[in-house]
Amino acid sequence: MREFDLNQLSDFRDVFPELTQAQFETGMLYSMGITKKEIGMLRSVSYSVVKETLDDIKKRMGIYSLNQLLSIFQVRLVLFCLKNCILKKSSK
């Protein structure tokens, strides 16, 4: 079974061209199940900044809930991994 390599995070970033770097990082952390308070501590920002960033992500992506955000990150992650598995397999 393949694992997600954190070194590929910059490649995964390309799957979210509509987000800024800060929005991507916040959305990624949130989609991994990290709380808003923990995200604030990890990113050295306040809870309100995390909340505002998540609201900005929802507006930018045209979604209405954080559950939709979770779904989008999960689906794009799966597609990203599948694409990389297929590319690596075909290059052998």
N, C-alpha and C. Protein backbone atom coordinates (compact mmCIF):
# COMPACT_ATOMS: atom_id res chain seq x y z
N MET A 1 0.84 -1.18 0.00
CA MET A 1 0.00 0.00 0.00
C MET A 1 0.89 1.24 0.00
N ARG A 2 0.55 2.19 -0.84
CA ARG A 2 1.30 3.45 -0.92
C ARG A 2 0.93 4.37 0.21
N GLU A 3 1.89 5.14 0.66
CA GLU A 3 1.64 6.14 1.68
C GLU A 3 1.80 7.51 1.06
N PHE A 4 1.12 8.49 1.64
CA PHE A 4 1.27 9.87 1.18
C PHE A 4 2.57 10.42 1.72
N ASP A 5 3.46 10.81 0.87
CA ASP A 5 4.76 11.35 1.24
C ASP A 5 4.61 12.85 1.45
N LEU A 6 4.92 13.31 2.67
CA LEU A 6 4.78 14.74 2.97
C LEU A 6 5.68 15.60 2.09
N ASN A 7 6.73 15.01 1.53
CA ASN A 7 7.58 15.77 0.60
C ASN A 7 6.83 16.11 -0.68
N GLN A 8 5.74 15.40 -0.96
CA GLN A 8 4.94 15.67 -2.14
C GLN A 8 3.92 16.78 -1.90
N LEU A 9 3.93 17.36 -0.72
CA LEU A 9 2.95 18.38 -0.40
C LEU A 9 3.01 19.55 -1.38
N SER A 10 4.19 19.91 -1.83
CA SER A 10 4.28 21.00 -2.79
C SER A 10 3.63 20.61 -4.12
N ASP A 11 3.75 19.32 -4.50
CA ASP A 11 3.08 18.84 -5.70
C ASP A 11 1.57 18.84 -5.50
N PHE A 12 1.13 18.43 -4.31
CA PHE A 12 -0.30 18.41 -3.99
C PHE A 12 -0.86 19.83 -3.99
N ARG A 13 -0.03 20.79 -3.65
CA ARG A 13 -0.44 22.21 -3.64
C ARG A 13 -0.95 22.62 -5.02
N ASP A 14 -0.37 22.05 -6.08
CA ASP A 14 -0.77 22.39 -7.45
C ASP A 14 -2.20 21.97 -7.76
N VAL A 15 -2.76 21.06 -6.96
CA VAL A 15 -4.12 20.59 -7.17
C VAL A 15 -5.14 21.64 -6.68
N PHE A 16 -4.65 22.66 -5.98
CA PHE A 16 -5.51 23.73 -5.46
C PHE A 16 -5.04 25.09 -5.95
N PRO A 17 -5.08 25.32 -7.26
CA PRO A 17 -4.59 26.59 -7.79
C PRO A 17 -5.43 27.78 -7.35
N GLU A 18 -6.67 27.52 -6.92
CA GLU A 18 -7.55 28.61 -6.53
C GLU A 18 -7.26 29.15 -5.14
N LEU A 19 -6.38 28.49 -4.39
CA LEU A 19 -6.10 28.90 -3.02
C LEU A 19 -4.71 29.52 -2.89
N THR A 20 -4.60 30.46 -1.97
CA THR A 20 -3.28 31.00 -1.63
C THR A 20 -2.53 29.94 -0.82
N GLN A 21 -1.25 30.16 -0.60
CA GLN A 21 -0.46 29.21 0.18
C GLN A 21 -1.03 29.07 1.59
N ALA A 22 -1.36 30.18 2.23
CA ALA A 22 -1.91 30.15 3.59
C ALA A 22 -3.25 29.42 3.62
N GLN A 23 -4.09 29.68 2.62
CA GLN A 23 -5.39 29.00 2.56
C GLN A 23 -5.19 27.50 2.35
N PHE A 24 -4.25 27.14 1.48
CA PHE A 24 -3.99 25.72 1.24
C PHE A 24 -3.53 25.03 2.52
N GLU A 25 -2.57 25.62 3.20
CA GLU A 25 -2.04 25.02 4.43
C GLU A 25 -3.13 24.87 5.48
N THR A 26 -3.93 25.91 5.65
CA THR A 26 -5.01 25.86 6.64
C THR A 26 -6.04 24.80 6.26
N GLY A 27 -6.44 24.78 4.99
CA GLY A 27 -7.40 23.79 4.53
C GLY A 27 -6.89 22.37 4.65
N MET A 28 -5.61 22.17 4.33
CA MET A 28 -5.01 20.85 4.43
C MET A 28 -4.99 20.38 5.87
N LEU A 29 -4.54 21.24 6.77
CA LEU A 29 -4.51 20.88 8.19
C LEU A 29 -5.91 20.57 8.71
N TYR A 30 -6.87 21.39 8.32
CA TYR A 30 -8.25 21.16 8.76
C TYR A 30 -8.78 19.83 8.22
N SER A 31 -8.46 19.54 6.99
CA SER A 31 -8.95 18.30 6.38
C SER A 31 -8.30 17.07 6.98
N MET A 32 -7.16 17.26 7.67
CA MET A 32 -6.49 16.16 8.34
C MET A 32 -7.04 15.95 9.75
N GLY A 33 -8.05 16.74 10.12
CA GLY A 33 -8.69 16.56 11.42
C GLY A 33 -8.11 17.39 12.54
N ILE A 34 -7.27 18.34 12.19
CA ILE A 34 -6.66 19.20 13.21
C ILE A 34 -7.65 20.33 13.52
N THR A 35 -7.83 20.62 14.79
CA THR A 35 -8.80 21.63 15.20
C THR A 35 -8.33 23.03 14.81
N LYS A 36 -9.27 23.95 14.78
CA LYS A 36 -8.95 25.34 14.44
C LYS A 36 -7.95 25.92 15.43
N LYS A 37 -8.13 25.59 16.70
CA LYS A 37 -7.21 26.09 17.74
C LYS A 37 -5.81 25.54 17.50
N GLU A 38 -5.70 24.24 17.18
CA GLU A 38 -4.39 23.63 16.91
C GLU A 38 -3.76 24.20 15.65
N ILE A 39 -4.59 24.45 14.63
CA ILE A 39 -4.07 25.06 13.40
C ILE A 39 -3.47 26.42 13.71
N GLY A 40 -4.15 27.19 14.54
CA GLY A 40 -3.65 28.49 14.94
C GLY A 40 -2.28 28.38 15.60
N MET A 41 -2.15 27.40 16.50
CA MET A 41 -0.86 27.20 17.17
C MET A 41 0.21 26.75 16.18
N LEU A 42 -0.13 25.84 15.28
CA LEU A 42 0.84 25.35 14.30
C LEU A 42 1.28 26.43 13.32
N ARG A 43 0.35 27.31 12.96
CA ARG A 43 0.66 28.35 11.98
C ARG A 43 1.03 29.68 12.63
N SER A 44 1.04 29.71 13.95
CA SER A 44 1.37 30.92 14.72
C SER A 44 0.45 32.08 14.39
N VAL A 45 -0.85 31.77 14.32
CA VAL A 45 -1.88 32.79 14.10
C VAL A 45 -2.99 32.56 15.11
N SER A 46 -3.86 33.54 15.24
CA SER A 46 -4.95 33.43 16.20
C SER A 46 -6.07 32.54 15.66
N TYR A 47 -6.90 32.10 16.59
CA TYR A 47 -8.07 31.29 16.24
C TYR A 47 -8.94 32.03 15.23
N SER A 48 -9.13 33.35 15.44
CA SER A 48 -10.00 34.11 14.54
C SER A 48 -9.41 34.19 13.13
N VAL A 49 -8.09 34.21 13.00
CA VAL A 49 -7.47 34.22 11.68
C VAL A 49 -7.73 32.88 10.98
N VAL A 50 -7.64 31.79 11.71
CA VAL A 50 -7.92 30.47 11.13
C VAL A 50 -9.37 30.41 10.67
N LYS A 51 -10.27 30.89 11.51
CA LYS A 51 -11.70 30.88 11.17
C LYS A 51 -11.96 31.73 9.92
N GLU A 52 -11.36 32.91 9.85
CA GLU A 52 -11.51 33.79 8.69
C GLU A 52 -10.92 33.14 7.43
N THR A 53 -9.78 32.48 7.58
CA THR A 53 -9.15 31.81 6.44
C THR A 53 -10.05 30.70 5.91
N LEU A 54 -10.64 29.92 6.80
CA LEU A 54 -11.55 28.86 6.37
C LEU A 54 -12.79 29.45 5.69
N ASP A 55 -13.28 30.57 6.19
CA ASP A 55 -14.41 31.25 5.54
C ASP A 55 -14.01 31.75 4.15
N ASP A 56 -12.80 32.30 4.03
CA ASP A 56 -12.31 32.76 2.73
C ASP A 56 -12.19 31.59 1.74
N ILE A 57 -11.74 30.44 2.23
CA ILE A 57 -11.63 29.25 1.38
C ILE A 57 -13.00 28.86 0.86
N LYS A 58 -13.99 28.86 1.75
CA LYS A 58 -15.35 28.49 1.34
C LYS A 58 -15.86 29.44 0.26
N LYS A 59 -15.63 30.74 0.44
CA LYS A 59 -16.07 31.72 -0.57
C LYS A 59 -15.36 31.51 -1.89
N ARG A 60 -14.05 31.33 -1.82
CA ARG A 60 -13.24 31.18 -3.03
C ARG A 60 -13.61 29.93 -3.82
N MET A 61 -13.98 28.87 -3.09
CA MET A 61 -14.31 27.60 -3.75
C MET A 61 -15.80 27.46 -4.04
N GLY A 62 -16.59 28.44 -3.59
CA GLY A 62 -18.03 28.40 -3.84
C GLY A 62 -18.74 27.29 -3.09
N ILE A 63 -18.30 27.04 -1.86
CA ILE A 63 -18.95 26.02 -1.04
C ILE A 63 -19.54 26.67 0.20
N TYR A 64 -20.38 25.91 0.89
CA TYR A 64 -21.13 26.51 1.99
C TYR A 64 -20.82 25.93 3.36
N SER A 65 -20.10 24.80 3.39
CA SER A 65 -19.82 24.20 4.69
C SER A 65 -18.40 23.63 4.72
N LEU A 66 -17.91 23.45 5.94
CA LEU A 66 -16.60 22.86 6.10
C LEU A 66 -16.61 21.37 5.76
N ASN A 67 -17.78 20.73 5.85
CA ASN A 67 -17.88 19.34 5.42
C ASN A 67 -17.60 19.22 3.92
N GLN A 68 -18.08 20.18 3.15
CA GLN A 68 -17.79 20.19 1.72
C GLN A 68 -16.29 20.37 1.48
N LEU A 69 -15.67 21.22 2.28
CA LEU A 69 -14.23 21.43 2.17
C LEU A 69 -13.49 20.12 2.44
N LEU A 70 -13.88 19.40 3.47
CA LEU A 70 -13.26 18.10 3.77
C LEU A 70 -13.39 17.16 2.59
N SER A 71 -14.57 17.10 2.01
CA SER A 71 -14.80 16.21 0.87
C SER A 71 -13.92 16.57 -0.31
N ILE A 72 -13.81 17.85 -0.61
CA ILE A 72 -12.99 18.30 -1.74
C ILE A 72 -11.53 17.94 -1.53
N PHE A 73 -11.01 18.19 -0.33
CA PHE A 73 -9.62 17.85 -0.06
C PHE A 73 -9.39 16.35 -0.17
N GLN A 74 -10.31 15.57 0.37
CA GLN A 74 -10.16 14.11 0.33
C GLN A 74 -10.22 13.57 -1.10
N VAL A 75 -11.17 14.06 -1.88
CA VAL A 75 -11.29 13.58 -3.26
C VAL A 75 -10.06 13.97 -4.08
N ARG A 76 -9.62 15.21 -3.94
CA ARG A 76 -8.45 15.64 -4.71
C ARG A 76 -7.18 14.90 -4.26
N LEU A 77 -7.09 14.57 -2.97
CA LEU A 77 -5.94 13.80 -2.49
C LEU A 77 -5.94 12.40 -3.11
N VAL A 78 -7.09 11.76 -3.14
CA VAL A 78 -7.19 10.43 -3.74
C VAL A 78 -6.82 10.48 -5.21
N LEU A 79 -7.37 11.45 -5.94
CA LEU A 79 -7.05 11.59 -7.36
C LEU A 79 -5.57 11.88 -7.58
N PHE A 80 -5.00 12.71 -6.74
CA PHE A 80 -3.58 13.02 -6.81
C PHE A 80 -2.73 11.76 -6.62
N CYS A 81 -3.08 10.97 -5.61
CA CYS A 81 -2.33 9.73 -5.34
C CYS A 81 -2.49 8.73 -6.47
N LEU A 82 -3.71 8.59 -6.96
CA LEU A 82 -3.94 7.66 -8.07
C LEU A 82 -3.15 8.08 -9.31
N LYS A 83 -3.16 9.36 -9.60
CA LYS A 83 -2.43 9.87 -10.76
C LYS A 83 -0.95 9.56 -10.62
N ASN A 84 -0.39 9.80 -9.44
CA ASN A 84 1.03 9.55 -9.22
C ASN A 84 1.36 8.06 -9.26
N CYS A 85 0.45 7.23 -8.78
CA CYS A 85 0.67 5.77 -8.83
C CYS A 85 0.69 5.31 -10.30
N ILE A 86 -0.23 5.80 -11.09
CA ILE A 86 -0.31 5.42 -12.49
C ILE A 86 0.91 5.90 -13.25
N LEU A 87 1.33 7.15 -12.99
CA LEU A 87 2.50 7.69 -13.68
C LEU A 87 3.77 6.92 -13.33
N LYS A 88 3.94 6.59 -12.05
CA LYS A 88 5.14 5.86 -11.63
C LYS A 88 5.12 4.44 -12.17
N LYS A 89 3.96 3.81 -12.20
CA LYS A 89 3.84 2.44 -12.70
C LYS A 89 4.13 2.39 -14.19
N SER A 90 3.64 3.37 -14.94
CA SER A 90 3.83 3.37 -16.39
C SER A 90 5.27 3.74 -16.79
N SER A 91 6.00 4.39 -15.90
CA SER A 91 7.37 4.78 -16.21
C SER A 91 8.37 3.66 -15.93
N LYS A 92 7.91 2.58 -15.31
CA LYS A 92 8.81 1.44 -15.02
C LYS A 92 9.09 0.61 -16.22
